[in-house]
Amino acid sequence: MNKLVFIADDDRDILEIMSLILQMHGFKVQTTTNANILFTGQQEEKPDLIILDIWMSGIDGRDIFLKIKQEDRLQSVPILFMSANAQLEEIIKQYPADGYIAKPFEMNHLINTVSEAMVH
């Protein structure tokens, strides 16, 4: 059974690249530029992992993180933050995600981080 990775980022090129890489490694991938679909009922299948860009147009990934942790259906899903922000490690201390992916990322780092997050 393929694990579903949900990725929210406002950069469609990043979404496409990540989707291709993860699919090549056997993951199912759902991408969006609007992370709020997690809460609208449009997201029928519960993801096995959520990757959130911290800064999206009009949406802060940290706010989405807090909303996910309040949702009974989603609160147990591991979350990775993604950002080019130099303060990413500090943000993880304030918002205890299961890890992070710094942009730009290498393919092996992406696969390893995603795989590790799903094990924990």
Protein backbone atom coordinates (compact mmCIF):
# COMPACT_ATOMS: atom_id res chain seq x y z
CA MET A 1 0.00 0.00 0.00
CA ASN A 2 1.44 3.36 -1.03
CA LYS A 3 1.70 6.01 1.63
CA LEU A 4 0.01 9.34 0.85
CA VAL A 5 2.11 12.49 1.19
CA PHE A 6 0.16 15.77 1.22
CA ILE A 7 2.28 18.78 0.20
CA ALA A 8 1.20 22.42 0.51
CA ASP A 9 3.35 25.10 -1.09
CA ASP A 10 2.53 28.21 -3.12
CA ASP A 11 5.30 27.44 -5.65
CA ARG A 12 3.86 25.12 -8.30
CA ASP A 13 7.36 24.22 -9.56
CA ILE A 14 8.37 22.98 -6.09
CA LEU A 15 5.14 20.97 -5.89
CA GLU A 16 5.81 19.37 -9.26
CA ILE A 17 9.44 18.52 -8.47
CA MET A 18 8.62 17.06 -5.06
CA SER A 19 5.70 15.12 -6.48
CA LEU A 20 7.85 13.55 -9.20
CA ILE A 21 10.63 12.63 -6.77
CA LEU A 22 8.28 11.08 -4.22
CA GLN A 23 6.25 9.21 -6.83
CA MET A 24 9.47 7.75 -8.26
CA HIS A 25 10.07 6.31 -4.79
CA GLY A 26 6.64 4.73 -4.48
CA PHE A 27 4.69 7.38 -2.61
CA LYS A 28 1.26 8.66 -3.56
CA VAL A 29 1.30 12.44 -3.58
CA GLN A 30 -1.36 15.11 -3.34
CA THR A 31 -0.28 18.71 -3.82
CA THR A 32 -2.03 22.01 -3.27
CA THR A 33 -1.33 25.70 -3.12
CA ASN A 34 -4.06 26.05 -0.45
CA ALA A 35 -3.45 24.00 2.70
CA ASN A 36 -6.92 24.89 3.98
CA ILE A 37 -8.42 22.10 1.86
CA LEU A 38 -7.36 19.81 4.71
CA PHE A 39 -10.26 21.27 6.71
CA THR A 40 -12.97 21.66 4.06
CA GLY A 41 -13.88 18.02 3.54
CA GLN A 42 -12.34 18.05 0.06
CA GLN A 43 -9.47 15.96 1.43
CA GLU A 44 -11.17 12.56 1.66
CA GLU A 45 -8.17 10.31 2.17
CA LYS A 46 -6.23 10.90 5.37
CA PRO A 47 -2.59 11.61 4.50
CA ASP A 48 0.22 9.58 6.05
CA LEU A 49 2.44 12.69 6.09
CA ILE A 50 1.86 16.42 5.63
CA ILE A 51 4.57 18.75 4.30
CA LEU A 52 3.84 22.45 4.86
CA ASP A 53 5.69 25.39 3.42
CA ILE A 54 5.96 27.97 6.18
CA TRP A 55 5.33 31.02 3.99
CA MET A 56 2.54 30.61 1.46
CA SER A 57 0.59 33.40 -0.21
CA GLY A 58 -1.92 34.56 2.38
CA ILE A 59 -1.36 31.49 4.58
CA ASP A 60 1.21 30.82 7.27
CA GLY A 61 2.19 27.16 7.56
CA ARG A 62 2.52 27.59 11.31
CA ASP A 63 -1.18 28.51 11.53
CA ILE A 64 -2.07 25.44 9.48
CA PHE A 65 0.12 23.34 11.79
CA LEU A 66 -1.84 24.56 14.83
CA LYS A 67 -5.18 23.87 13.11
CA ILE A 68 -4.07 20.34 12.19
CA LYS A 69 -3.12 19.61 15.79
CA GLN A 70 -6.68 20.60 16.84
CA GLU A 71 -8.36 18.33 14.28
CA ASP A 72 -9.19 14.88 15.69
CA ARG A 73 -8.85 13.28 12.25
CA LEU A 74 -5.45 14.81 11.47
CA GLN A 75 -3.66 15.48 14.76
CA SER A 76 -1.72 12.19 14.69
CA VAL A 77 -0.41 12.73 11.14
CA PRO A 78 3.32 13.56 11.09
CA ILE A 79 4.12 17.06 9.78
CA LEU A 80 7.27 18.37 8.13
CA PHE A 81 7.88 22.08 7.67
CA MET A 82 9.57 23.27 4.51
CA SER A 83 11.18 26.64 3.99
CA ALA A 84 14.14 28.64 2.77
CA ASN A 85 13.94 30.51 6.11
CA ALA A 86 17.32 30.60 7.88
CA GLN A 87 15.46 30.33 11.22
CA LEU A 88 13.85 27.00 10.36
CA GLU A 89 15.39 25.11 13.29
CA GLU A 90 14.12 27.79 15.71
CA ILE A 91 10.63 27.59 14.22
CA ILE A 92 10.63 23.81 14.77
CA LYS A 93 11.34 24.40 18.46
CA GLN A 94 8.28 26.69 18.74
CA TYR A 95 6.05 24.51 16.54
CA PRO A 96 7.11 20.93 17.24
CA ALA A 97 6.81 19.39 13.80
CA ASP A 98 8.28 15.97 13.07
CA GLY A 99 11.11 17.49 11.06
CA TYR A 100 11.86 19.92 8.29
CA ILE A 101 13.11 20.21 4.75
CA ALA A 102 15.26 23.25 4.00
CA LYS A 103 15.00 24.75 0.53
CA PRO A 104 16.81 24.14 -1.68
CA PHE A 105 16.84 20.41 -0.93
CA GLU A 106 18.61 17.41 -2.37
CA MET A 107 16.58 14.46 -3.61
CA ASN A 108 18.15 11.98 -1.15
CA HIS A 109 17.54 14.31 1.78
CA LEU A 110 13.87 14.67 0.78
CA ILE A 111 13.33 10.91 0.52
CA ASN A 112 15.18 10.17 3.77
CA THR A 113 13.34 12.88 5.72
CA VAL A 114 9.93 11.77 4.42
CA SER A 115 10.66 8.10 5.14
CA GLU A 116 11.95 8.83 8.65
CA ALA A 117 8.94 11.01 9.52
CA MET A 118 6.54 8.22 8.60
CA VAL A 119 8.32 5.74 10.88
CA HIS A 120 8.06 7.90 14.01
